[in-house]
Amino acid sequence: MAFVVGKQVGNAVTRNTVKRRLRALMSTRLGLLPDGSDVVLRALPPSARRSSPELAHDLDLVLDRLNQSRTSS
């Protein structure tokens, strides 16, 4: 699992906060990924203004899409 949080998201404090929040949210969702998965999450600038429940919802949507595309292949 890797996180990409560019300078467009905010200053260093903001970027690190976004990374910490994403890391905490993702730690409870690792079981949803297939074993051996490599995942890179790129945070977009609006992520700095999202609440934790909103980020969790967004992350769940992405993981659902990922699992749907994996099962339909």
PDB file of N, CA and C in Angstrom:
ATOM      1  N   MET A   1       0.848  -1.152   0.000  1.00  0.00           N
ATOM      2  CA  MET A   1       0.000   0.000   0.000  1.00  0.00           C
ATOM      3  C   MET A   1       0.902   1.225   0.000  1.00  0.00           C
ATOM      4  N   ALA A   2       0.636   2.113  -0.930  1.00  0.00           N
ATOM      5  CA  ALA A   2       1.398   3.360  -1.003  1.00  0.00           C
ATOM      6  C   ALA A   2       0.417   4.519  -1.167  1.00  0.00           C
ATOM      7  N   PHE A   3       0.807   5.663  -0.649  1.00  0.00           N
ATOM      8  CA  PHE A   3      -0.008   6.863  -0.743  1.00  0.00           C
ATOM      9  C   PHE A   3       0.785   7.944  -1.447  1.00  0.00           C
ATOM     10  N   VAL A   4       0.159   8.583  -2.412  1.00  0.00           N
ATOM     11  CA  VAL A   4       0.775   9.698  -3.120  1.00  0.00           C
ATOM     12  C   VAL A   4      -0.039  10.937  -2.779  1.00  0.00           C
ATOM     13  N   VAL A   5       0.604  11.865  -2.095  1.00  0.00           N
ATOM     14  CA  VAL A   5      -0.065  13.103  -1.703  1.00  0.00           C
ATOM     15  C   VAL A   5       0.840  14.242  -2.153  1.00  0.00           C
ATOM     16  N   GLY A   6       0.492  14.824  -3.290  1.00  0.00           N
ATOM     17  CA  GLY A   6       1.329  15.861  -3.887  1.00  0.00           C
ATOM     18  C   GLY A   6       1.160  17.219  -3.239  1.00  0.00           C
ATOM     19  N   LYS A   7       2.007  18.147  -3.657  1.00  0.00           N
ATOM     20  CA  LYS A   7       1.997  19.497  -3.102  1.00  0.00           C
ATOM     21  C   LYS A   7       0.705  20.248  -3.384  1.00  0.00           C
ATOM     22  N   GLN A   8      -0.055  19.797  -4.378  1.00  0.00           N
ATOM     23  CA  GLN A   8      -1.324  20.446  -4.679  1.00  0.00           C
ATOM     24  C   GLN A   8      -2.325  20.263  -3.541  1.00  0.00           C
ATOM     25  N   VAL A   9      -2.124  19.240  -2.722  1.00  0.00           N
ATOM     26  CA  VAL A   9      -3.037  18.956  -1.611  1.00  0.00           C
ATOM     27  C   VAL A   9      -2.861  19.984  -0.502  1.00  0.00           C
ATOM     28  N   GLY A  10      -1.662  20.493  -0.323  1.00  0.00           N
ATOM     29  CA  GLY A  10      -1.414  21.493   0.716  1.00  0.00           C
ATOM     30  C   GLY A  10       0.034  21.480   1.161  1.00  0.00           C
ATOM     31  N   ASN A  11       0.278  22.185   2.252  1.00  0.00           N
ATOM     32  CA  ASN A  11       1.647  22.242   2.766  1.00  0.00           C
ATOM     33  C   ASN A  11       2.017  20.895   3.404  1.00  0.00           C
ATOM     34  N   ALA A  12       3.226  20.796   3.908  1.00  0.00           N
ATOM     35  CA  ALA A  12       3.727  19.521   4.443  1.00  0.00           C
ATOM     36  C   ALA A  12       2.862  18.998   5.585  1.00  0.00           C
ATOM     37  N   VAL A  13       2.411  19.875   6.456  1.00  0.00           N
ATOM     38  CA  VAL A  13       1.578  19.441   7.579  1.00  0.00           C
ATOM     39  C   VAL A  13       0.265  18.854   7.063  1.00  0.00           C
ATOM     40  N   THR A  14      -0.349  19.522   6.108  1.00  0.00           N
ATOM     41  CA  THR A  14      -1.616  19.047   5.531  1.00  0.00           C
ATOM     42  C   THR A  14      -1.411  17.723   4.814  1.00  0.00           C
ATOM     43  N   ARG A  15      -0.350  17.622   4.018  1.00  0.00           N
ATOM     44  CA  ARG A  15      -0.087  16.380   3.291  1.00  0.00           C
ATOM     45  C   ARG A  15       0.120  15.212   4.248  1.00  0.00           C
ATOM     46  N   ASN A  16       0.884  15.439   5.311  1.00  0.00           N
ATOM     47  CA  ASN A  16       1.134  14.370   6.279  1.00  0.00           C
ATOM     48  C   ASN A  16      -0.142  13.986   7.026  1.00  0.00           C
ATOM     49  N   THR A  17      -0.986  14.967   7.306  1.00  0.00           N
ATOM     50  CA  THR A  17      -2.263  14.677   7.961  1.00  0.00           C
ATOM     51  C   THR A  17      -3.136  13.807   7.065  1.00  0.00           C
ATOM     52  N   VAL A  18      -3.202  14.149   5.784  1.00  0.00           N
ATOM     53  CA  VAL A  18      -3.991  13.354   4.832  1.00  0.00           C
ATOM     54  C   VAL A  18      -3.433  11.941   4.758  1.00  0.00           C
ATOM     55  N   LYS A  19      -2.110  11.799   4.693  1.00  0.00           N
ATOM     56  CA  LYS A  19      -1.507  10.458   4.646  1.00  0.00           C
ATOM     57  C   LYS A  19      -1.831   9.652   5.893  1.00  0.00           C
ATOM     58  N   ARG A  20      -1.738  10.269   7.065  1.00  0.00           N
ATOM     59  CA  ARG A  20      -2.041   9.565   8.316  1.00  0.00           C
ATOM     60  C   ARG A  20      -3.496   9.118   8.356  1.00  0.00           C
ATOM     61  N   ARG A  21      -4.396   9.997   7.921  1.00  0.00           N
ATOM     62  CA  ARG A  21      -5.816   9.654   7.932  1.00  0.00           C
ATOM     63  C   ARG A  21      -6.097   8.505   6.958  1.00  0.00           C
ATOM     64  N   LEU A  22      -5.518   8.569   5.769  1.00  0.00           N
ATOM     65  CA  LEU A  22      -5.719   7.495   4.791  1.00  0.00           C
ATOM     66  C   LEU A  22      -5.123   6.181   5.290  1.00  0.00           C
ATOM     67  N   ARG A  23      -3.948   6.250   5.894  1.00  0.00           N
ATOM     68  CA  ARG A  23      -3.303   5.048   6.417  1.00  0.00           C
ATOM     69  C   ARG A  23      -4.166   4.396   7.501  1.00  0.00           C
ATOM     70  N   ALA A  24      -4.736   5.214   8.385  1.00  0.00           N
ATOM     71  CA  ALA A  24      -5.588   4.679   9.451  1.00  0.00           C
ATOM     72  C   ALA A  24      -6.857   4.056   8.872  1.00  0.00           C
ATOM     73  N   LEU A  25      -7.457   4.721   7.904  1.00  0.00           N
ATOM     74  CA  LEU A  25      -8.670   4.190   7.281  1.00  0.00           C
ATOM     75  C   LEU A  25      -8.376   2.895   6.523  1.00  0.00           C
ATOM     76  N   MET A  26      -7.269   2.863   5.837  1.00  0.00           N
ATOM     77  CA  MET A  26      -6.933   1.699   5.023  1.00  0.00           C
ATOM     78  C   MET A  26      -6.544   0.502   5.886  1.00  0.00           C
ATOM     79  N   SER A  27      -5.995   0.753   7.057  1.00  0.00           N
ATOM     80  CA  SER A  27      -5.563  -0.356   7.912  1.00  0.00           C
ATOM     81  C   SER A  27      -6.732  -1.259   8.297  1.00  0.00           C
ATOM     82  N   THR A  28      -7.929  -0.702   8.389  1.00  0.00           N
ATOM     83  CA  THR A  28      -9.094  -1.505   8.737  1.00  0.00           C
ATOM     84  C   THR A  28      -9.733  -2.163   7.515  1.00  0.00           C
ATOM     85  N   ARG A  29      -9.224  -1.837   6.335  1.00  0.00           N
ATOM     86  CA  ARG A  29      -9.813  -2.355   5.095  1.00  0.00           C
ATOM     87  C   ARG A  29      -8.870  -3.266   4.311  1.00  0.00           C
ATOM     88  N   LEU A  30      -7.702  -3.552   4.846  1.00  0.00           N
ATOM     89  CA  LEU A  30      -6.734  -4.379   4.123  1.00  0.00           C
ATOM     90  C   LEU A  30      -7.274  -5.764   3.805  1.00  0.00           C
ATOM     91  N   GLY A  31      -8.151  -6.276   4.636  1.00  0.00           N
ATOM     92  CA  GLY A  31      -8.730  -7.594   4.407  1.00  0.00           C
ATOM     93  C   GLY A  31      -9.624  -7.646   3.176  1.00  0.00           C
ATOM     94  N   LEU A  32     -10.021  -6.497   2.661  1.00  0.00           N
ATOM     95  CA  LEU A  32     -10.863  -6.446   1.464  1.00  0.00           C
ATOM     96  C   LEU A  32     -10.066  -6.638   0.180  1.00  0.00           C
ATOM     97  N   LEU A  33      -8.745  -6.564   0.303  1.00  0.00           N
ATOM     98  CA  LEU A  33      -7.884  -6.700  -0.873  1.00  0.00           C
ATOM     99  C   LEU A  33      -7.401  -8.139  -1.004  1.00  0.00           C
ATOM    100  N   PRO A  34      -7.244  -8.593  -2.236  1.00  0.00           N
ATOM    101  CA  PRO A  34      -6.688  -9.937  -2.424  1.00  0.00           C
ATOM    102  C   PRO A  34      -5.242 -10.002  -1.926  1.00  0.00           C
ATOM    103  N   ASP A  35      -4.844 -11.181  -1.464  1.00  0.00           N
ATOM    104  CA  ASP A  35      -3.453 -11.360  -1.018  1.00  0.00           C
ATOM    105  C   ASP A  35      -2.500 -11.004  -2.144  1.00  0.00           C
ATOM    106  N   GLY A  36      -1.422 -10.327  -1.790  1.00  0.00           N
ATOM    107  CA  GLY A  36      -0.409  -9.966  -2.769  1.00  0.00           C
ATOM    108  C   GLY A  36      -0.743  -8.737  -3.592  1.00  0.00           C
ATOM    109  N   SER A  37      -1.789  -8.031  -3.235  1.00  0.00           N
ATOM    110  CA  SER A  37      -2.182  -6.831  -3.988  1.00  0.00           C
ATOM    111  C   SER A  37      -1.191  -5.702  -3.768  1.00  0.00           C
ATOM    112  N   ASP A  38      -0.943  -4.969  -4.823  1.00  0.00           N
ATOM    113  CA  ASP A  38      -0.175  -3.727  -4.751  1.00  0.00           C
ATOM    114  C   ASP A  38      -1.145  -2.602  -5.079  1.00  0.00           C
ATOM    115  N   VAL A  39      -1.302  -1.670  -4.144  1.00  0.00           N
ATOM    116  CA  VAL A  39      -2.259  -0.586  -4.327  1.00  0.00           C
ATOM    117  C   VAL A  39      -1.560   0.740  -4.074  1.00  0.00           C
ATOM    118  N   VAL A  40      -1.814   1.693  -4.965  1.00  0.00           N
ATOM    119  CA  VAL A  40      -1.313   3.048  -4.799  1.00  0.00           C
ATOM    120  C   VAL A  40      -2.520   3.979  -4.795  1.00  0.00           C
ATOM    121  N   LEU A  41      -2.686   4.722  -3.711  1.00  0.00           N
ATOM    122  CA  LEU A  41      -3.774   5.690  -3.605  1.00  0.00           C
ATOM    123  C   LEU A  41      -3.204   7.088  -3.810  1.00  0.00           C
ATOM    124  N   ARG A  42      -3.804   7.820  -4.716  1.00  0.00           N
ATOM    125  CA  ARG A  42      -3.375   9.195  -4.976  1.00  0.00           C
ATOM    126  C   ARG A  42      -4.428  10.130  -4.404  1.00  0.00           C
ATOM    127  N   ALA A  43      -4.030  10.966  -3.469  1.00  0.00           N
ATOM    128  CA  ALA A  43      -4.946  11.919  -2.854  1.00  0.00           C
ATOM    129  C   ALA A  43      -5.030  13.161  -3.729  1.00  0.00           C
ATOM    130  N   LEU A  44      -6.236  13.567  -4.038  1.00  0.00           N
ATOM    131  CA  LEU A  44      -6.474  14.782  -4.803  1.00  0.00           C
ATOM    132  C   LEU A  44      -6.638  15.961  -3.847  1.00  0.00           C
ATOM    133  N   PRO A  45      -6.469  17.182  -4.326  1.00  0.00           N
ATOM    134  CA  PRO A  45      -6.531  18.353  -3.434  1.00  0.00           C
ATOM    135  C   PRO A  45      -7.772  18.430  -2.539  1.00  0.00           C
ATOM    136  N   PRO A  46      -8.971  18.066  -3.008  1.00  0.00           N
ATOM    137  CA  PRO A  46     -10.124  18.157  -2.099  1.00  0.00           C
ATOM    138  C   PRO A  46     -10.046  17.235  -0.877  1.00  0.00           C
ATOM    139  N   SER A  47      -9.182  16.236  -0.920  1.00  0.00           N
ATOM    140  CA  SER A  47      -9.085  15.302   0.212  1.00  0.00           C
ATOM    141  C   SER A  47      -8.652  16.010   1.492  1.00  0.00           C
ATOM    142  N   ALA A  48      -7.950  17.126   1.380  1.00  0.00           N
ATOM    143  CA  ALA A  48      -7.502  17.856   2.573  1.00  0.00           C
ATOM    144  C   ALA A  48      -8.683  18.465   3.320  1.00  0.00           C
ATOM    145  N   ARG A  49      -9.783  18.719   2.625  1.00  0.00           N
ATOM    146  CA  ARG A  49     -10.949  19.348   3.241  1.00  0.00           C
ATOM    147  C   ARG A  49     -12.051  18.349   3.616  1.00  0.00           C
ATOM    148  N   ARG A  50     -11.845  17.077   3.315  1.00  0.00           N
ATOM    149  CA  ARG A  50     -12.857  16.054   3.593  1.00  0.00           C
ATOM    150  C   ARG A  50     -12.746  15.600   5.047  1.00  0.00           C
ATOM    151  N   SER A  51     -13.889  15.332   5.657  1.00  0.00           N
ATOM    152  CA  SER A  51     -13.890  14.784   7.014  1.00  0.00           C
ATOM    153  C   SER A  51     -13.478  13.308   6.941  1.00  0.00           C
ATOM    154  N   SER A  52     -13.165  12.736   8.077  1.00  0.00           N
ATOM    155  CA  SER A  52     -12.792  11.321   8.087  1.00  0.00           C
ATOM    156  C   SER A  52     -13.921  10.423   7.593  1.00  0.00           C
ATOM    157  N   PRO A  53     -15.181  10.658   8.002  1.00  0.00           N
ATOM    158  CA  PRO A  53     -16.256   9.826   7.452  1.00  0.00           C
ATOM    159  C   PRO A  53     -16.401   9.982   5.929  1.00  0.00           C
ATOM    160  N   GLU A  54     -16.177  11.181   5.422  1.00  0.00           N
ATOM    161  CA  GLU A  54     -16.253  11.389   3.973  1.00  0.00           C
ATOM    162  C   GLU A  54     -15.113  10.665   3.262  1.00  0.00           C
ATOM    163  N   LEU A  55     -13.904  10.750   3.826  1.00  0.00           N
ATOM    164  CA  LEU A  55     -12.770  10.023   3.240  1.00  0.00           C
ATOM    165  C   LEU A  55     -13.019   8.517   3.293  1.00  0.00           C
ATOM    166  N   ALA A  56     -13.585   8.041   4.391  1.00  0.00           N
ATOM    167  CA  ALA A  56     -13.883   6.611   4.520  1.00  0.00           C
ATOM    168  C   ALA A  56     -14.882   6.183   3.450  1.00  0.00           C
ATOM    169  N   HIS A  57     -15.905   6.996   3.226  1.00  0.00           N
ATOM    170  CA  HIS A  57     -16.903   6.695   2.198  1.00  0.00           C
ATOM    171  C   HIS A  57     -16.253   6.653   0.817  1.00  0.00           C
ATOM    172  N   ASP A  58     -15.404   7.648   0.521  1.00  0.00           N
ATOM    173  CA  ASP A  58     -14.709   7.684  -0.766  1.00  0.00           C
ATOM    174  C   ASP A  58     -13.821   6.459  -0.945  1.00  0.00           C
ATOM    175  N   LEU A  59     -13.118   6.085   0.102  1.00  0.00           N
ATOM    176  CA  LEU A  59     -12.238   4.924   0.050  1.00  0.00           C
ATOM    177  C   LEU A  59     -13.045   3.647  -0.178  1.00  0.00           C
ATOM    178  N   ASP A  60     -14.181   3.535   0.484  1.00  0.00           N
ATOM    179  CA  ASP A  60     -15.039   2.365   0.296  1.00  0.00           C
ATOM    180  C   ASP A  60     -15.550   2.281  -1.142  1.00  0.00           C
ATOM    181  N   LEU A  61     -15.898   3.424  -1.729  1.00  0.00           N
ATOM    182  CA  LEU A  61     -16.343   3.438  -3.125  1.00  0.00           C
ATOM    183  C   LEU A  61     -15.242   2.931  -4.056  1.00  0.00           C
ATOM    184  N   VAL A  62     -14.030   3.385  -3.820  1.00  0.00           N
ATOM    185  CA  VAL A  62     -12.896   2.975  -4.654  1.00  0.00           C
ATOM    186  C   VAL A  62     -12.643   1.472  -4.506  1.00  0.00           C
ATOM    187  N   LEU A  63     -12.668   0.982  -3.280  1.00  0.00           N
ATOM    188  CA  LEU A  63     -12.428  -0.446  -3.049  1.00  0.00           C
ATOM    189  C   LEU A  63     -13.538  -1.298  -3.651  1.00  0.00           C
ATOM    190  N   ASP A  64     -14.779  -0.823  -3.564  1.00  0.00           N
ATOM    191  CA  ASP A  64     -15.889  -1.546  -4.193  1.00  0.00           C
ATOM    192  C   ASP A  64     -15.692  -1.619  -5.701  1.00  0.00           C
ATOM    193  N   ARG A  65     -15.304  -0.497  -6.304  1.00  0.00           N
ATOM    194  CA  ARG A  65     -15.055  -0.480  -7.751  1.00  0.00           C
ATOM    195  C   ARG A  65     -13.924  -1.421  -8.123  1.00  0.00           C
ATOM    196  N   LEU A  66     -12.886  -1.415  -7.314  1.00  0.00           N
ATOM    197  CA  LEU A  66     -11.736  -2.296  -7.562  1.00  0.00           C
ATOM    198  C   LEU A  66     -12.172  -3.754  -7.486  1.00  0.00           C
ATOM    199  N   ASN A  67     -12.939  -4.108  -6.485  1.00  0.00           N
ATOM    200  CA  ASN A  67     -13.389  -5.490  -6.347  1.00  0.00           C
ATOM    201  C   ASN A  67     -14.361  -5.884  -7.447  1.00  0.00           C
ATOM    202  N   GLN A  68     -15.201  -4.965  -7.903  1.00  0.00           N
ATOM    203  CA  GLN A  68     -16.131  -5.252  -9.000  1.00  0.00           C
ATOM    204  C   GLN A  68     -15.377  -5.510 -10.288  1.00  0.00           C
ATOM    205  N   SER A  69     -14.376  -4.688 -10.573  1.00  0.00           N
ATOM    206  CA  SER A  69     -13.623  -4.871 -11.810  1.00  0.00           C
ATOM    207  C   SER A  69     -12.811  -6.158 -11.772  1.00  0.00           C
ATOM    208  N   ARG A  70     -12.368  -6.549 -10.593  1.00  0.00           N
ATOM    209  CA  ARG A  70     -11.591  -7.782 -10.446  1.00  0.00           C
ATOM    210  C   ARG A  70     -12.473  -9.003 -10.658  1.00  0.00           C
ATOM    211  N   THR A  71     -13.712  -8.959 -10.153  1.00  0.00           N
ATOM    212  CA  THR A  71     -14.587 -10.110 -10.287  1.00  0.00           C
ATOM    213  C   THR A  71     -15.194 -10.221 -11.674  1.00  0.00           C
ATOM    214  N   SER A  72     -15.313  -9.111 -12.403  1.00  0.00           N
ATOM    215  CA  SER A  72     -15.901  -9.158 -13.741  1.00  0.00           C
ATOM    216  C   SER A  72     -14.869  -9.532 -14.794  1.00  0.00           C
ATOM    217  N   SER A  73     -13.599  -9.555 -14.445  1.00  0.00           N
ATOM    218  CA  SER A  73     -12.552  -9.908 -15.419  1.00  0.00           C
ATOM    219  C   SER A  73     -12.384 -11.396 -15.553  1.00  0.00           C
TER     220      SER A  73
END
